[in-house]
């Protein structure tokens, strides 16, 4: 959104996002290859994007789309709660 000013992220959230970008999984690396540089339909995606209180794997602002790659580090009960919250914020969530 042009002219939209976002408040600064809490330091913990910002640092967590940075750490996750540096320690990406093999699946995240592979998907990021296809999402980065507007390779998918010309849409810009961000990786390890903060949607407080969460950090999502991939996010497209124009489509309000969250893409999550569920691996061994994910917990089904926590993921349901997280998905409900993200959807309540008007985001569409795709999980793989």
PDB file of N, CA and C in Angstrom:
ATOM      1  N   UNK A   1       0.828  -1.166   0.000  1.00  0.00           N
ATOM      2  CA  UNK A   1       0.000   0.000   0.000  1.00  0.00           C
ATOM      3  C   UNK A   1       0.877   1.236   0.000  1.00  0.00           C
ATOM      4  N   UNK A   2       0.825   2.026  -1.039  1.00  0.00           N
ATOM      5  CA  UNK A   2       1.626   3.242  -1.074  1.00  0.00           C
ATOM      6  C   UNK A   2       1.221   4.191   0.050  1.00  0.00           C
ATOM      7  N   UNK A   3       2.201   4.761   0.690  1.00  0.00           N
ATOM      8  CA  UNK A   3       1.949   5.721   1.739  1.00  0.00           C
ATOM      9  C   UNK A   3       1.551   5.116   3.073  1.00  0.00           C
ATOM     10  N   UNK A   4       1.468   3.794   3.138  1.00  0.00           N
ATOM     11  CA  UNK A   4       1.101   3.116   4.383  1.00  0.00           C
ATOM     12  C   UNK A   4       2.338   2.980   5.254  1.00  0.00           C
ATOM     13  N   UNK A   5       2.258   3.495   6.463  1.00  0.00           N
ATOM     14  CA  UNK A   5       3.399   3.439   7.372  1.00  0.00           C
ATOM     15  C   UNK A   5       3.144   2.340   8.393  1.00  0.00           C
ATOM     16  N   UNK A   6       4.093   1.419   8.491  1.00  0.00           N
ATOM     17  CA  UNK A   6       3.976   0.335   9.452  1.00  0.00           C
ATOM     18  C   UNK A   6       4.833   0.659  10.669  1.00  0.00           C
ATOM     19  N   UNK A   7       4.317   0.387  11.865  1.00  0.00           N
ATOM     20  CA  UNK A   7       5.137   0.634  13.053  1.00  0.00           C
ATOM     21  C   UNK A   7       6.316  -0.327  13.090  1.00  0.00           C
ATOM     22  N   UNK A   8       7.386   0.056  13.771  1.00  0.00           N
ATOM     23  CA  UNK A   8       8.535  -0.855  13.851  1.00  0.00           C
ATOM     24  C   UNK A   8       8.162  -2.140  14.577  1.00  0.00           C
ATOM     25  N   UNK A   9       8.808  -3.220  14.171  1.00  0.00           N
ATOM     26  CA  UNK A   9       8.571  -4.515  14.802  1.00  0.00           C
ATOM     27  C   UNK A   9       9.287  -4.580  16.137  1.00  0.00           C
ATOM     28  N   UNK A  10       8.721  -5.358  17.062  1.00  0.00           N
ATOM     29  CA  UNK A  10       9.475  -5.592  18.307  1.00  0.00           C
ATOM     30  C   UNK A  10      10.818  -6.230  17.972  1.00  0.00           C
ATOM     31  N   UNK A  11      11.833  -5.894  18.714  1.00  0.00           N
ATOM     32  CA  UNK A  11      13.188  -6.387  18.447  1.00  0.00           C
ATOM     33  C   UNK A  11      13.229  -7.903  18.381  1.00  0.00           C
ATOM     34  N   UNK A  12      12.519  -8.580  19.276  1.00  0.00           N
ATOM     35  CA  UNK A  12      12.523 -10.051  19.291  1.00  0.00           C
ATOM     36  C   UNK A  12      11.977 -10.603  17.979  1.00  0.00           C
ATOM     37  N   UNK A  13      10.883 -10.048  17.478  1.00  0.00           N
ATOM     38  CA  UNK A  13      10.274 -10.513  16.232  1.00  0.00           C
ATOM     39  C   UNK A  13      11.203 -10.259  15.055  1.00  0.00           C
ATOM     40  N   UNK A  14      11.801  -9.081  15.010  1.00  0.00           N
ATOM     41  CA  UNK A  14      12.718  -8.738  13.920  1.00  0.00           C
ATOM     42  C   UNK A  14      13.935  -9.656  13.924  1.00  0.00           C
ATOM     43  N   UNK A  15      14.496  -9.891  15.097  1.00  0.00           N
ATOM     44  CA  UNK A  15      15.666 -10.766  15.210  1.00  0.00           C
ATOM     45  C   UNK A  15      15.317 -12.206  14.850  1.00  0.00           C
ATOM     46  N   UNK A  16      14.126 -12.661  15.284  1.00  0.00           N
ATOM     47  CA  UNK A  16      13.688 -14.019  14.964  1.00  0.00           C
ATOM     48  C   UNK A  16      13.528 -14.186  13.448  1.00  0.00           C
ATOM     49  N   UNK A  17      12.946 -13.198  12.785  1.00  0.00           N
ATOM     50  CA  UNK A  17      12.789 -13.246  11.324  1.00  0.00           C
ATOM     51  C   UNK A  17      14.144 -13.349  10.642  1.00  0.00           C
ATOM     52  N   UNK A  18      15.083 -12.549  11.092  1.00  0.00           N
ATOM     53  CA  UNK A  18      16.431 -12.551  10.506  1.00  0.00           C
ATOM     54  C   UNK A  18      17.097 -13.916  10.702  1.00  0.00           C
ATOM     55  N   UNK A  19      16.984 -14.467  11.902  1.00  0.00           N
ATOM     56  CA  UNK A  19      17.585 -15.776  12.182  1.00  0.00           C
ATOM     57  C   UNK A  19      16.968 -16.867  11.309  1.00  0.00           C
ATOM     58  N   UNK A  20      15.654 -16.840  11.142  1.00  0.00           N
ATOM     59  CA  UNK A  20      14.977 -17.850  10.328  1.00  0.00           C
ATOM     60  C   UNK A  20      15.353 -17.731   8.850  1.00  0.00           C
ATOM     61  N   UNK A  21      15.568 -16.514   8.369  1.00  0.00           N
ATOM     62  CA  UNK A  21      15.994 -16.342   6.969  1.00  0.00           C
ATOM     63  C   UNK A  21      17.368 -16.958   6.743  1.00  0.00           C
ATOM     64  N   UNK A  22      18.227 -16.871   7.759  1.00  0.00           N
ATOM     65  CA  UNK A  22      19.579 -17.403   7.627  1.00  0.00           C
ATOM     66  C   UNK A  22      19.618 -18.916   7.808  1.00  0.00           C
ATOM     67  N   UNK A  23      18.668 -19.488   8.533  1.00  0.00           N
ATOM     68  CA  UNK A  23      18.671 -20.928   8.823  1.00  0.00           C
ATOM     69  C   UNK A  23      17.488 -21.610   8.133  1.00  0.00           C
ATOM     70  N   UNK A  24      17.332 -21.370   6.854  1.00  0.00           N
ATOM     71  CA  UNK A  24      16.177 -21.926   6.126  1.00  0.00           C
ATOM     72  C   UNK A  24      16.344 -23.429   5.895  1.00  0.00           C
ATOM     73  N   UNK A  25      15.194 -24.104   5.803  1.00  0.00           N
ATOM     74  CA  UNK A  25      15.206 -25.533   5.531  1.00  0.00           C
ATOM     75  C   UNK A  25      15.445 -25.766   4.041  1.00  0.00           C
ATOM     76  N   UNK A  26      15.726 -26.997   3.685  1.00  0.00           N
ATOM     77  CA  UNK A  26      15.930 -27.330   2.270  1.00  0.00           C
ATOM     78  C   UNK A  26      14.654 -27.052   1.465  1.00  0.00           C
ATOM     79  N   UNK A  27      13.495 -27.388   2.036  1.00  0.00           N
ATOM     80  CA  UNK A  27      12.223 -27.139   1.351  1.00  0.00           C
ATOM     81  C   UNK A  27      12.001 -25.647   1.142  1.00  0.00           C
ATOM     82  N   UNK A  28      12.330 -24.829   2.154  1.00  0.00           N
ATOM     83  CA  UNK A  28      12.181 -23.374   2.022  1.00  0.00           C
ATOM     84  C   UNK A  28      13.121 -22.836   0.956  1.00  0.00           C
ATOM     85  N   UNK A  29      14.333 -23.352   0.908  1.00  0.00           N
ATOM     86  CA  UNK A  29      15.293 -22.929  -0.121  1.00  0.00           C
ATOM     87  C   UNK A  29      14.745 -23.200  -1.516  1.00  0.00           C
ATOM     88  N   UNK A  30      14.209 -24.390  -1.703  1.00  0.00           N
ATOM     89  CA  UNK A  30      13.703 -24.773  -3.024  1.00  0.00           C
ATOM     90  C   UNK A  30      12.501 -23.920  -3.421  1.00  0.00           C
ATOM     91  N   UNK A  31      11.554 -23.726  -2.512  1.00  0.00           N
ATOM     92  CA  UNK A  31      10.386 -22.920  -2.843  1.00  0.00           C
ATOM     93  C   UNK A  31      10.777 -21.465  -3.067  1.00  0.00           C
ATOM     94  N   UNK A  32      11.700 -20.947  -2.267  1.00  0.00           N
ATOM     95  CA  UNK A  32      12.133 -19.553  -2.404  1.00  0.00           C
ATOM     96  C   UNK A  32      12.712 -19.300  -3.796  1.00  0.00           C
ATOM     97  N   UNK A  33      13.378 -20.274  -4.373  1.00  0.00           N
ATOM     98  CA  UNK A  33      13.914 -20.119  -5.724  1.00  0.00           C
ATOM     99  C   UNK A  33      12.805 -19.724  -6.702  1.00  0.00           C
ATOM    100  N   UNK A  34      11.632 -20.325  -6.555  1.00  0.00           N
ATOM    101  CA  UNK A  34      10.519 -20.069  -7.477  1.00  0.00           C
ATOM    102  C   UNK A  34       9.708 -18.830  -7.115  1.00  0.00           C
ATOM    103  N   UNK A  35       9.771 -18.399  -5.859  1.00  0.00           N
ATOM    104  CA  UNK A  35       8.991 -17.241  -5.431  1.00  0.00           C
ATOM    105  C   UNK A  35       9.750 -15.926  -5.557  1.00  0.00           C
ATOM    106  N   UNK A  36      11.060 -15.964  -5.373  1.00  0.00           N
ATOM    107  CA  UNK A  36      11.829 -14.719  -5.345  1.00  0.00           C
ATOM    108  C   UNK A  36      11.894 -14.066  -6.727  1.00  0.00           C
ATOM    109  N   UNK A  37      12.191 -12.800  -6.710  1.00  0.00           N
ATOM    110  CA  UNK A  37      12.385 -12.061  -7.960  1.00  0.00           C
ATOM    111  C   UNK A  37      11.138 -11.997  -8.832  1.00  0.00           C
ATOM    112  N   UNK A  38       9.976 -12.078  -8.197  1.00  0.00           N
ATOM    113  CA  UNK A  38       8.694 -11.987  -8.921  1.00  0.00           C
ATOM    114  C   UNK A  38       8.548 -13.063  -9.994  1.00  0.00           C
ATOM    115  N   UNK A  39       9.136 -14.227  -9.747  1.00  0.00           N
ATOM    116  CA  UNK A  39       9.099 -15.325 -10.723  1.00  0.00           C
ATOM    117  C   UNK A  39       7.731 -15.997 -10.810  1.00  0.00           C
ATOM    118  N   UNK A  40       6.912 -15.873  -9.781  1.00  0.00           N
ATOM    119  CA  UNK A  40       5.603 -16.518  -9.783  1.00  0.00           C
ATOM    120  C   UNK A  40       4.542 -15.467 -10.110  1.00  0.00           C
ATOM    121  N   UNK A  41       4.166 -15.392 -11.361  1.00  0.00           N
ATOM    122  CA  UNK A  41       3.107 -14.491 -11.793  1.00  0.00           C
ATOM    123  C   UNK A  41       3.401 -13.020 -11.604  1.00  0.00           C
ATOM    124  N   UNK A  42       4.660 -12.671 -11.381  1.00  0.00           N
ATOM    125  CA  UNK A  42       5.020 -11.272 -11.182  1.00  0.00           C
ATOM    126  C   UNK A  42       4.752 -10.760  -9.771  1.00  0.00           C
ATOM    127  N   UNK A  43       4.381 -11.644  -8.854  1.00  0.00           N
ATOM    128  CA  UNK A  43       4.068 -11.233  -7.487  1.00  0.00           C
ATOM    129  C   UNK A  43       5.319 -11.230  -6.617  1.00  0.00           C
ATOM    130  N   UNK A  44       5.412 -10.227  -5.756  1.00  0.00           N
ATOM    131  CA  UNK A  44       6.536 -10.124  -4.826  1.00  0.00           C
ATOM    132  C   UNK A  44       6.212 -10.898  -3.553  1.00  0.00           C
ATOM    133  N   UNK A  45       7.097 -11.799  -3.184  1.00  0.00           N
ATOM    134  CA  UNK A  45       6.969 -12.560  -1.943  1.00  0.00           C
ATOM    135  C   UNK A  45       8.101 -12.166  -1.005  1.00  0.00           C
ATOM    136  N   UNK A  46       7.819 -12.217   0.269  1.00  0.00           N
ATOM    137  CA  UNK A  46       8.836 -12.024   1.306  1.00  0.00           C
ATOM    138  C   UNK A  46       8.973 -13.345   2.048  1.00  0.00           C
ATOM    139  N   UNK A  47      10.176 -13.645   2.502  1.00  0.00           N
ATOM    140  CA  UNK A  47      10.362 -14.866   3.277  1.00  0.00           C
ATOM    141  C   UNK A  47      10.583 -14.506   4.732  1.00  0.00           C
ATOM    142  N   UNK A  48      10.092 -15.378   5.604  1.00  0.00           N
ATOM    143  CA  UNK A  48      10.166 -15.174   7.053  1.00  0.00           C
ATOM    144  C   UNK A  48       9.666 -13.766   7.401  1.00  0.00           C
ATOM    145  N   UNK A  49       8.453 -13.492   6.972  1.00  0.00           N
ATOM    146  CA  UNK A  49       7.823 -12.182   7.156  1.00  0.00           C
ATOM    147  C   UNK A  49       7.060 -12.145   8.481  1.00  0.00           C
ATOM    148  N   UNK A  50       7.186 -11.064   9.207  1.00  0.00           N
ATOM    149  CA  UNK A  50       6.517 -10.919  10.496  1.00  0.00           C
ATOM    150  C   UNK A  50       5.074 -10.482  10.318  1.00  0.00           C
ATOM    151  N   UNK A  51       4.198 -11.262  10.915  1.00  0.00           N
ATOM    152  CA  UNK A  51       2.787 -10.907  11.070  1.00  0.00           C
ATOM    153  C   UNK A  51       2.551 -11.099  12.567  1.00  0.00           C
ATOM    154  N   UNK A  52       2.929 -10.078  13.357  1.00  0.00           N
ATOM    155  CA  UNK A  52       2.909 -10.245  14.813  1.00  0.00           C
ATOM    156  C   UNK A  52       1.596 -10.836  15.316  1.00  0.00           C
ATOM    157  N   UNK A  53       1.686 -11.813  16.190  1.00  0.00           N
ATOM    158  CA  UNK A  53       2.873 -12.258  16.933  1.00  0.00           C
ATOM    159  C   UNK A  53       3.648 -13.379  16.235  1.00  0.00           C
ATOM    160  N   UNK A  54       3.354 -13.649  14.972  1.00  0.00           N
ATOM    161  CA  UNK A  54       3.963 -14.774  14.262  1.00  0.00           C
ATOM    162  C   UNK A  54       4.958 -14.312  13.197  1.00  0.00           C
ATOM    163  N   UNK A  55       5.781 -15.267  12.772  1.00  0.00           N
ATOM    164  CA  UNK A  55       6.651 -15.087  11.611  1.00  0.00           C
ATOM    165  C   UNK A  55       6.242 -16.178  10.635  1.00  0.00           C
ATOM    166  N   UNK A  56       5.786 -15.770   9.430  1.00  0.00           N
ATOM    167  CA  UNK A  56       5.313 -16.741   8.445  1.00  0.00           C
ATOM    168  C   UNK A  56       6.427 -17.055   7.455  1.00  0.00           C
ATOM    169  N   UNK A  57       6.377 -18.239   6.843  1.00  0.00           N
ATOM    170  CA  UNK A  57       7.445 -18.666   5.936  1.00  0.00           C
ATOM    171  C   UNK A  57       7.542 -17.748   4.713  1.00  0.00           C
ATOM    172  N   UNK A  58       6.410 -17.543   4.019  1.00  0.00           N
ATOM    173  CA  UNK A  58       6.395 -16.695   2.828  1.00  0.00           C
ATOM    174  C   UNK A  58       5.123 -15.859   2.830  1.00  0.00           C
ATOM    175  N   UNK A  59       5.229 -14.617   2.316  1.00  0.00           N
ATOM    176  CA  UNK A  59       4.080 -13.723   2.328  1.00  0.00           C
ATOM    177  C   UNK A  59       4.060 -12.869   1.064  1.00  0.00           C
ATOM    178  N   UNK A  60       2.881 -12.773   0.458  1.00  0.00           N
ATOM    179  CA  UNK A  60       2.660 -11.892  -0.686  1.00  0.00           C
ATOM    180  C   UNK A  60       1.643 -10.840  -0.256  1.00  0.00           C
ATOM    181  N   UNK A  61       2.084  -9.598  -0.143  1.00  0.00           N
ATOM    182  CA  UNK A  61       1.232  -8.516   0.349  1.00  0.00           C
ATOM    183  C   UNK A  61       0.079  -8.215  -0.605  1.00  0.00           C
ATOM    184  N   UNK A  62       0.345  -8.182  -1.902  1.00  0.00           N
ATOM    185  CA  UNK A  62      -0.688  -7.854  -2.890  1.00  0.00           C
ATOM    186  C   UNK A  62      -1.855  -8.830  -2.808  1.00  0.00           C
ATOM    187  N   UNK A  63      -1.561 -10.100  -2.640  1.00  0.00           N
ATOM    188  CA  UNK A  63      -2.600 -11.140  -2.571  1.00  0.00           C
ATOM    189  C   UNK A  63      -3.026 -11.450  -1.135  1.00  0.00           C
ATOM    190  N   UNK A  64      -2.319 -10.853  -0.149  1.00  0.00           N
ATOM    191  CA  UNK A  64      -2.575 -11.151   1.272  1.00  0.00           C
ATOM    192  C   UNK A  64      -2.548 -12.661   1.489  1.00  0.00           C
ATOM    193  N   UNK A  65      -1.484 -13.260   0.950  1.00  0.00           N
ATOM    194  CA  UNK A  65      -1.320 -14.712   0.933  1.00  0.00           C
ATOM    195  C   UNK A  65      -0.127 -15.131   1.782  1.00  0.00           C
ATOM    196  N   UNK A  66      -0.374 -16.082   2.658  1.00  0.00           N
ATOM    197  CA  UNK A  66       0.670 -16.681   3.491  1.00  0.00           C
ATOM    198  C   UNK A  66       0.882 -18.101   2.999  1.00  0.00           C
ATOM    199  N   UNK A  67       2.140 -18.478   2.787  1.00  0.00           N
ATOM    200  CA  UNK A  67       2.482 -19.851   2.409  1.00  0.00           C
ATOM    201  C   UNK A  67       3.352 -20.413   3.530  1.00  0.00           C
ATOM    202  N   UNK A  68       2.888 -21.519   4.100  1.00  0.00           N
ATOM    203  CA  UNK A  68       3.613 -22.165   5.184  1.00  0.00           C
ATOM    204  C   UNK A  68       4.049 -23.559   4.752  1.00  0.00           C
ATOM    205  N   UNK A  69       5.299 -23.910   5.042  1.00  0.00           N
ATOM    206  CA  UNK A  69       5.821 -25.247   4.782  1.00  0.00           C
ATOM    207  C   UNK A  69       5.925 -25.953   6.128  1.00  0.00           C
ATOM    208  N   UNK A  70       5.058 -26.927   6.337  1.00  0.00           N
ATOM    209  CA  UNK A  70       5.017 -27.628   7.613  1.00  0.00           C
ATOM    210  C   UNK A  70       5.982 -28.801   7.604  1.00  0.00           C
ATOM    211  N   UNK A  71       6.966 -28.721   8.456  1.00  0.00           N
ATOM    212  CA  UNK A  71       7.932 -29.802   8.577  1.00  0.00           C
ATOM    213  C   UNK A  71       7.881 -30.379   9.977  1.00  0.00           C
ATOM    214  N   UNK A  72       8.946 -31.014  10.364  1.00  0.00           N
ATOM    215  CA  UNK A  72       8.996 -31.682  11.667  1.00  0.00           C
ATOM    216  C   UNK A  72       8.899 -30.694  12.827  1.00  0.00           C
ATOM    217  N   UNK A  73       9.244 -29.423  12.593  1.00  0.00           N
ATOM    218  CA  UNK A  73       9.229 -28.433  13.663  1.00  0.00           C
ATOM    219  C   UNK A  73       7.824 -27.899  13.939  1.00  0.00           C
ATOM    220  N   UNK A  74       6.845 -28.288  13.127  1.00  0.00           N
ATOM    221  CA  UNK A  74       5.482 -27.785  13.290  1.00  0.00           C
ATOM    222  C   UNK A  74       4.661 -28.705  14.185  1.00  0.00           C
ATOM    223  N   UNK A  75       3.721 -28.088  14.895  1.00  0.00           N
ATOM    224  CA  UNK A  75       2.810 -28.784  15.791  1.00  0.00           C
ATOM    225  C   UNK A  75       1.400 -28.529  15.267  1.00  0.00           C
ATOM    226  N   UNK A  76       0.638 -29.577  14.981  1.00  0.00           N
ATOM    227  CA  UNK A  76      -0.678 -29.452  14.357  1.00  0.00           C
ATOM    228  C   UNK A  76      -1.625 -28.571  15.162  1.00  0.00           C
ATOM    229  N   UNK A  77      -1.651 -28.722  16.476  1.00  0.00           N
ATOM    230  CA  UNK A  77      -2.552 -27.908  17.298  1.00  0.00           C
ATOM    231  C   UNK A  77      -2.172 -26.433  17.257  1.00  0.00           C
ATOM    232  N   UNK A  78      -0.903 -26.152  17.325  1.00  0.00           N
ATOM    233  CA  UNK A  78      -0.421 -24.774  17.267  1.00  0.00           C
ATOM    234  C   UNK A  78      -0.703 -24.193  15.879  1.00  0.00           C
ATOM    235  N   UNK A  79      -0.502 -25.004  14.841  1.00  0.00           N
ATOM    236  CA  UNK A  79      -0.726 -24.539  13.472  1.00  0.00           C
ATOM    237  C   UNK A  79      -2.184 -24.171  13.227  1.00  0.00           C
ATOM    238  N   UNK A  80      -3.133 -24.915  13.799  1.00  0.00           N
ATOM    239  CA  UNK A  80      -4.557 -24.600  13.645  1.00  0.00           C
ATOM    240  C   UNK A  80      -4.855 -23.235  14.261  1.00  0.00           C
ATOM    241  N   UNK A  81      -4.348 -23.014  15.462  1.00  0.00           N
ATOM    242  CA  UNK A  81      -4.546 -21.736  16.145  1.00  0.00           C
ATOM    243  C   UNK A  81      -3.922 -20.592  15.341  1.00  0.00           C
ATOM    244  N   UNK A  82      -2.738 -20.830  14.860  1.00  0.00           N
ATOM    245  CA  UNK A  82      -2.010 -19.828  14.072  1.00  0.00           C
ATOM    246  C   UNK A  82      -2.755 -19.503  12.777  1.00  0.00           C
ATOM    247  N   UNK A  83      -3.231 -20.536  12.083  1.00  0.00           N
ATOM    248  CA  UNK A  83      -3.971 -20.334  10.834  1.00  0.00           C
ATOM    249  C   UNK A  83      -5.244 -19.542  11.092  1.00  0.00           C
ATOM    250  N   UNK A  84      -5.959 -19.886  12.141  1.00  0.00           N
ATOM    251  CA  UNK A  84      -7.190 -19.143  12.474  1.00  0.00           C
ATOM    252  C   UNK A  84      -6.898 -17.672  12.723  1.00  0.00           C
ATOM    253  N   UNK A  85      -5.821 -17.404  13.442  1.00  0.00           N
ATOM    254  CA  UNK A  85      -5.457 -16.013  13.712  1.00  0.00           C
ATOM    255  C   UNK A  85      -5.135 -15.280  12.409  1.00  0.00           C
ATOM    256  N   UNK A  86      -4.311 -15.889  11.567  1.00  0.00           N
ATOM    257  CA  UNK A  86      -3.921 -15.241  10.314  1.00  0.00           C
ATOM    258  C   UNK A  86      -5.146 -14.991   9.429  1.00  0.00           C
ATOM    259  N   UNK A  87      -6.051 -15.959   9.371  1.00  0.00           N
ATOM    260  CA  UNK A  87      -7.270 -15.783   8.577  1.00  0.00           C
ATOM    261  C   UNK A  87      -8.155 -14.688   9.163  1.00  0.00           C
ATOM    262  N   UNK A  88      -8.165 -14.548  10.486  1.00  0.00           N
ATOM    263  CA  UNK A  88      -8.948 -13.482  11.119  1.00  0.00           C
ATOM    264  C   UNK A  88      -8.393 -12.095  10.769  1.00  0.00           C
ATOM    265  N   UNK A  89      -7.139 -12.068  10.318  1.00  0.00           N
ATOM    266  CA  UNK A  89      -6.511 -10.810   9.902  1.00  0.00           C
ATOM    267  C   UNK A  89      -6.732 -10.542   8.416  1.00  0.00           C
ATOM    268  N   UNK A  90      -7.544 -11.387   7.781  1.00  0.00           N
ATOM    269  CA  UNK A  90      -7.859 -11.207   6.363  1.00  0.00           C
ATOM    270  C   UNK A  90      -6.846 -11.823   5.421  1.00  0.00           C
ATOM    271  N   UNK A  91      -6.027 -12.737   5.931  1.00  0.00           N
ATOM    272  CA  UNK A  91      -5.007 -13.381   5.112  1.00  0.00           C
ATOM    273  C   UNK A  91      -5.492 -14.768   4.670  1.00  0.00           C
ATOM    274  N   UNK A  92      -5.082 -15.178   3.483  1.00  0.00           N
ATOM    275  CA  UNK A  92      -5.329 -16.537   3.035  1.00  0.00           C
ATOM    276  C   UNK A  92      -4.073 -17.343   3.355  1.00  0.00           C
ATOM    277  N   UNK A  93      -4.263 -18.535   3.900  1.00  0.00           N
ATOM    278  CA  UNK A  93      -3.123 -19.356   4.329  1.00  0.00           C
ATOM    279  C   UNK A  93      -3.117 -20.657   3.531  1.00  0.00           C
ATOM    280  N   UNK A  94      -1.975 -20.938   2.887  1.00  0.00           N
ATOM    281  CA  UNK A  94      -1.758 -22.217   2.205  1.00  0.00           C
ATOM    282  C   UNK A  94      -0.681 -22.962   2.981  1.00  0.00           C
ATOM    283  N   UNK A  95      -0.967 -24.214   3.310  1.00  0.00           N
ATOM    284  CA  UNK A  95       0.001 -25.036   4.044  1.00  0.00           C
ATOM    285  C   UNK A  95       0.407 -26.238   3.195  1.00  0.00           C
ATOM    286  N   UNK A  96       1.689 -26.487   3.180  1.00  0.00           N
ATOM    287  CA  UNK A  96       2.230 -27.641   2.460  1.00  0.00           C
ATOM    288  C   UNK A  96       3.099 -28.442   3.400  1.00  0.00           C
TER     289      UNK A  96
END
